[in-house]
Amino acid sequence: MRRLAPRPLGLALEQVRSEWEPDTLLAAVQRVWRTTVGETIAEAAQPTSERGGVLTVACAAAVWAQELDLMAPEIVERLNEALPSGGVQRLRCVAIPLS
C-alpha cells in the first residue's frame, strides 16, 4: 500500500517528544505548568526541581516568590488536579533570575 501524502510532522515530533521526556513528577509539572498557573505567572516563574513532593519554583524576582508563597495552597491543588497521579505536596519559591 502506497501512502499518497506525507504524515504531518507534528505527529512524528509528538511521538518522539513523549519517548524522550523523563517520567518524573518534575517533567509532568513542567508539561502542565503554563496551562495550570496561567501565562502571567508562567512568564515570571518556572518549576526547576522536585524532591519528595516539594516543588522548587524559580521566580524572576523576590516579589514573585513572595506572591507564589501566598498562592501556594491553590497552586498545589490545581497542579495535583492537572496531574494524573498528583504528588505535589508543597511549593518552595526562590528568587533566581530566569534565563
N, C-alpha and C. Protein backbone atom coordinates (compact mmCIF):
# COMPACT_ATOMS: atom_id res chain seq x y z
N MET A 1 0.84 -1.17 0.00
CA MET A 1 0.00 0.00 0.00
C MET A 1 0.89 1.24 0.00
N ARG A 2 0.60 2.12 -0.88
CA ARG A 2 1.39 3.33 -1.03
C ARG A 2 0.68 4.50 -0.38
N ARG A 3 1.42 5.27 0.39
CA ARG A 3 0.87 6.46 1.06
C ARG A 3 0.83 7.60 0.06
N LEU A 4 -0.30 8.26 -0.07
CA LEU A 4 -0.46 9.33 -1.05
C LEU A 4 0.08 10.67 -0.57
N ALA A 5 0.07 10.90 0.73
CA ALA A 5 0.54 12.17 1.26
C ALA A 5 1.44 11.92 2.46
N PRO A 6 2.39 12.78 2.71
CA PRO A 6 3.24 12.60 3.88
C PRO A 6 2.44 12.79 5.17
N ARG A 7 2.90 12.11 6.21
CA ARG A 7 2.27 12.29 7.52
C ARG A 7 2.64 13.66 8.07
N PRO A 8 1.77 14.28 8.81
CA PRO A 8 2.11 15.57 9.41
C PRO A 8 3.31 15.43 10.34
N LEU A 9 4.23 16.36 10.27
CA LEU A 9 5.44 16.34 11.08
C LEU A 9 5.11 16.41 12.57
N GLY A 10 4.06 17.13 12.92
CA GLY A 10 3.67 17.26 14.32
C GLY A 10 3.40 15.93 14.99
N LEU A 11 2.80 15.00 14.28
CA LEU A 11 2.53 13.67 14.85
C LEU A 11 3.82 12.94 15.17
N ALA A 12 4.77 12.99 14.26
CA ALA A 12 6.05 12.32 14.49
C ALA A 12 6.82 12.98 15.64
N LEU A 13 6.82 14.31 15.68
CA LEU A 13 7.53 15.01 16.75
C LEU A 13 6.89 14.75 18.11
N GLU A 14 5.59 14.69 18.18
CA GLU A 14 4.89 14.40 19.44
C GLU A 14 5.29 13.02 19.97
N GLN A 15 5.38 12.05 19.08
CA GLN A 15 5.76 10.70 19.50
C GLN A 15 7.19 10.68 20.01
N VAL A 16 8.10 11.33 19.33
CA VAL A 16 9.50 11.38 19.75
C VAL A 16 9.63 12.12 21.07
N ARG A 17 8.93 13.24 21.20
CA ARG A 17 8.99 14.03 22.44
C ARG A 17 8.54 13.20 23.63
N SER A 18 7.45 12.47 23.47
CA SER A 18 6.94 11.68 24.58
C SER A 18 7.89 10.54 24.95
N GLU A 19 8.66 10.05 23.98
CA GLU A 19 9.64 8.99 24.27
C GLU A 19 10.86 9.55 24.98
N TRP A 20 11.23 10.79 24.74
CA TRP A 20 12.43 11.37 25.32
C TRP A 20 12.20 12.03 26.67
N GLU A 21 10.98 12.43 26.97
CA GLU A 21 10.71 13.10 28.23
C GLU A 21 10.87 12.12 29.38
N PRO A 22 11.52 12.56 30.45
CA PRO A 22 11.63 11.68 31.61
C PRO A 22 10.27 11.47 32.26
N ASP A 23 10.11 10.33 32.87
CA ASP A 23 8.86 10.01 33.56
C ASP A 23 9.00 10.37 35.03
N THR A 24 9.06 11.67 35.30
CA THR A 24 9.23 12.17 36.67
C THR A 24 8.13 13.16 37.00
N LEU A 25 7.96 13.42 38.28
CA LEU A 25 6.97 14.41 38.71
C LEU A 25 7.33 15.79 38.17
N LEU A 26 8.62 16.14 38.18
CA LEU A 26 9.04 17.45 37.67
C LEU A 26 8.67 17.60 36.20
N ALA A 27 8.94 16.59 35.39
CA ALA A 27 8.61 16.66 33.97
C ALA A 27 7.11 16.80 33.78
N ALA A 28 6.33 16.09 34.57
CA ALA A 28 4.87 16.19 34.47
C ALA A 28 4.40 17.58 34.83
N VAL A 29 4.97 18.16 35.89
CA VAL A 29 4.59 19.51 36.30
C VAL A 29 4.98 20.51 35.21
N GLN A 30 6.17 20.37 34.65
CA GLN A 30 6.61 21.30 33.61
C GLN A 30 5.70 21.25 32.39
N ARG A 31 5.14 20.08 32.09
CA ARG A 31 4.22 19.96 30.95
C ARG A 31 2.92 20.73 31.18
N VAL A 32 2.42 20.75 32.41
CA VAL A 32 1.12 21.39 32.69
C VAL A 32 1.25 22.76 33.34
N TRP A 33 2.45 23.21 33.63
CA TRP A 33 2.67 24.45 34.39
C TRP A 33 1.95 25.65 33.77
N ARG A 34 2.22 25.94 32.52
CA ARG A 34 1.68 27.15 31.88
C ARG A 34 0.15 27.15 31.87
N THR A 35 -0.45 26.02 31.54
CA THR A 35 -1.91 25.98 31.50
C THR A 35 -2.52 25.99 32.90
N THR A 36 -1.79 25.53 33.88
CA THR A 36 -2.32 25.47 35.25
C THR A 36 -2.22 26.80 35.97
N VAL A 37 -1.09 27.50 35.83
CA VAL A 37 -0.90 28.74 36.57
C VAL A 37 -1.21 29.99 35.74
N GLY A 38 -1.29 29.85 34.43
CA GLY A 38 -1.58 30.99 33.57
C GLY A 38 -0.32 31.62 33.00
N GLU A 39 -0.52 32.38 31.95
CA GLU A 39 0.60 32.99 31.20
C GLU A 39 1.43 33.94 32.05
N THR A 40 0.78 34.78 32.83
CA THR A 40 1.50 35.80 33.60
C THR A 40 2.47 35.17 34.59
N ILE A 41 1.98 34.21 35.37
CA ILE A 41 2.84 33.55 36.35
C ILE A 41 3.91 32.72 35.64
N ALA A 42 3.53 32.02 34.57
CA ALA A 42 4.49 31.17 33.86
C ALA A 42 5.64 31.99 33.27
N GLU A 43 5.40 33.24 32.92
CA GLU A 43 6.47 34.09 32.40
C GLU A 43 7.44 34.51 33.51
N ALA A 44 6.96 34.57 34.74
CA ALA A 44 7.78 35.05 35.86
C ALA A 44 8.32 33.94 36.75
N ALA A 45 7.81 32.71 36.59
CA ALA A 45 8.22 31.63 37.49
C ALA A 45 8.19 30.30 36.75
N GLN A 46 9.20 29.47 37.03
CA GLN A 46 9.29 28.16 36.38
C GLN A 46 9.67 27.09 37.39
N PRO A 47 9.03 25.93 37.33
CA PRO A 47 9.44 24.83 38.20
C PRO A 47 10.80 24.31 37.77
N THR A 48 11.73 24.19 38.72
CA THR A 48 13.10 23.82 38.36
C THR A 48 13.56 22.51 38.98
N SER A 49 12.95 22.11 40.10
CA SER A 49 13.36 20.83 40.69
C SER A 49 12.24 20.33 41.60
N GLU A 50 12.35 19.05 41.94
CA GLU A 50 11.37 18.43 42.84
C GLU A 50 12.08 17.37 43.65
N ARG A 51 11.76 17.33 44.92
CA ARG A 51 12.33 16.31 45.80
C ARG A 51 11.31 16.00 46.88
N GLY A 52 10.90 14.75 46.94
CA GLY A 52 9.97 14.31 47.97
C GLY A 52 8.65 15.05 47.97
N GLY A 53 8.18 15.44 46.79
CA GLY A 53 6.90 16.14 46.69
C GLY A 53 7.00 17.64 46.86
N VAL A 54 8.21 18.14 47.16
CA VAL A 54 8.42 19.59 47.30
C VAL A 54 8.91 20.12 45.96
N LEU A 55 8.12 20.97 45.36
CA LEU A 55 8.42 21.54 44.05
C LEU A 55 9.10 22.89 44.23
N THR A 56 10.32 23.02 43.73
CA THR A 56 11.03 24.29 43.79
C THR A 56 10.70 25.08 42.52
N VAL A 57 10.29 26.32 42.74
CA VAL A 57 9.91 27.21 41.65
C VAL A 57 10.85 28.41 41.67
N ALA A 58 11.57 28.61 40.55
CA ALA A 58 12.46 29.76 40.41
C ALA A 58 11.65 30.94 39.92
N CYS A 59 11.73 32.04 40.66
CA CYS A 59 10.95 33.23 40.34
C CYS A 59 11.88 34.35 39.88
N ALA A 60 11.40 35.18 38.98
CA ALA A 60 12.20 36.26 38.39
C ALA A 60 12.55 37.35 39.41
N ALA A 61 11.78 37.45 40.48
CA ALA A 61 12.03 38.48 41.48
C ALA A 61 11.48 38.01 42.83
N ALA A 62 12.01 38.62 43.89
CA ALA A 62 11.58 38.25 45.24
C ALA A 62 10.08 38.49 45.43
N VAL A 63 9.55 39.52 44.80
CA VAL A 63 8.13 39.81 44.95
C VAL A 63 7.29 38.66 44.35
N TRP A 64 7.76 38.05 43.25
CA TRP A 64 7.05 36.90 42.67
C TRP A 64 7.14 35.69 43.60
N ALA A 65 8.29 35.48 44.20
CA ALA A 65 8.45 34.36 45.13
C ALA A 65 7.49 34.52 46.32
N GLN A 66 7.40 35.74 46.83
CA GLN A 66 6.50 36.02 47.95
C GLN A 66 5.03 35.82 47.54
N GLU A 67 4.67 36.29 46.36
CA GLU A 67 3.29 36.15 45.88
C GLU A 67 2.93 34.68 45.70
N LEU A 68 3.83 33.90 45.10
CA LEU A 68 3.55 32.48 44.90
C LEU A 68 3.52 31.71 46.21
N ASP A 69 4.31 32.15 47.20
CA ASP A 69 4.21 31.54 48.53
C ASP A 69 2.79 31.70 49.09
N LEU A 70 2.22 32.88 48.88
CA LEU A 70 0.86 33.13 49.36
C LEU A 70 -0.18 32.31 48.58
N MET A 71 0.09 32.09 47.30
CA MET A 71 -0.83 31.34 46.45
C MET A 71 -0.56 29.84 46.46
N ALA A 72 0.46 29.40 47.17
CA ALA A 72 0.92 28.01 47.12
C ALA A 72 -0.18 26.97 47.33
N PRO A 73 -1.04 27.09 48.35
CA PRO A 73 -2.07 26.05 48.52
C PRO A 73 -2.96 25.89 47.28
N GLU A 74 -3.35 27.00 46.68
CA GLU A 74 -4.20 26.94 45.48
C GLU A 74 -3.44 26.35 44.29
N ILE A 75 -2.18 26.75 44.12
CA ILE A 75 -1.37 26.24 43.01
C ILE A 75 -1.14 24.75 43.15
N VAL A 76 -0.82 24.30 44.36
CA VAL A 76 -0.60 22.86 44.60
C VAL A 76 -1.87 22.08 44.28
N GLU A 77 -3.01 22.59 44.71
CA GLU A 77 -4.28 21.91 44.44
C GLU A 77 -4.54 21.83 42.92
N ARG A 78 -4.33 22.93 42.22
CA ARG A 78 -4.56 22.94 40.77
C ARG A 78 -3.59 22.04 40.03
N LEU A 79 -2.32 22.02 40.46
CA LEU A 79 -1.35 21.12 39.84
C LEU A 79 -1.74 19.67 40.03
N ASN A 80 -2.12 19.32 41.24
CA ASN A 80 -2.49 17.93 41.52
C ASN A 80 -3.75 17.50 40.76
N GLU A 81 -4.65 18.44 40.52
CA GLU A 81 -5.82 18.14 39.69
C GLU A 81 -5.42 17.91 38.24
N ALA A 82 -4.41 18.63 37.77
CA ALA A 82 -3.97 18.52 36.37
C ALA A 82 -3.07 17.31 36.13
N LEU A 83 -2.48 16.78 37.18
CA LEU A 83 -1.57 15.64 37.05
C LEU A 83 -2.33 14.34 37.30
N PRO A 84 -2.10 13.33 36.48
CA PRO A 84 -2.83 12.08 36.64
C PRO A 84 -2.60 11.41 38.00
N SER A 85 -1.38 11.54 38.54
CA SER A 85 -1.10 10.87 39.81
C SER A 85 -0.88 11.84 40.96
N GLY A 86 -1.08 13.15 40.74
CA GLY A 86 -0.85 14.12 41.81
C GLY A 86 0.61 14.10 42.22
N GLY A 87 0.88 14.27 43.49
CA GLY A 87 2.23 14.13 44.01
C GLY A 87 2.89 15.38 44.53
N VAL A 88 2.38 16.56 44.17
CA VAL A 88 2.98 17.79 44.67
C VAL A 88 2.41 18.05 46.06
N GLN A 89 3.29 18.14 47.05
CA GLN A 89 2.85 18.38 48.42
C GLN A 89 2.94 19.83 48.83
N ARG A 90 4.00 20.49 48.36
CA ARG A 90 4.14 21.93 48.66
C ARG A 90 5.09 22.59 47.69
N LEU A 91 5.04 23.92 47.66
CA LEU A 91 5.92 24.72 46.81
C LEU A 91 7.02 25.34 47.65
N ARG A 92 8.17 25.45 47.05
CA ARG A 92 9.29 26.19 47.62
C ARG A 92 9.67 27.22 46.57
N CYS A 93 9.39 28.48 46.84
CA CYS A 93 9.60 29.53 45.86
C CYS A 93 10.86 30.31 46.19
N VAL A 94 11.74 30.44 45.21
CA VAL A 94 13.01 31.14 45.40
C VAL A 94 13.17 32.17 44.30
N ALA A 95 13.81 33.29 44.67
CA ALA A 95 14.06 34.35 43.70
C ALA A 95 15.41 34.09 43.04
N ILE A 96 15.34 33.63 41.80
CA ILE A 96 16.54 33.37 40.99
C ILE A 96 16.24 33.95 39.62
N PRO A 97 17.10 34.80 39.11
CA PRO A 97 16.84 35.34 37.77
C PRO A 97 16.69 34.19 36.75
N LEU A 98 15.62 34.23 35.97
CA LEU A 98 15.36 33.21 34.97
C LEU A 98 16.18 33.50 33.73
N SER A 99 16.69 32.44 33.12
CA SER A 99 17.48 32.64 31.90
C SER A 99 16.64 32.41 30.69
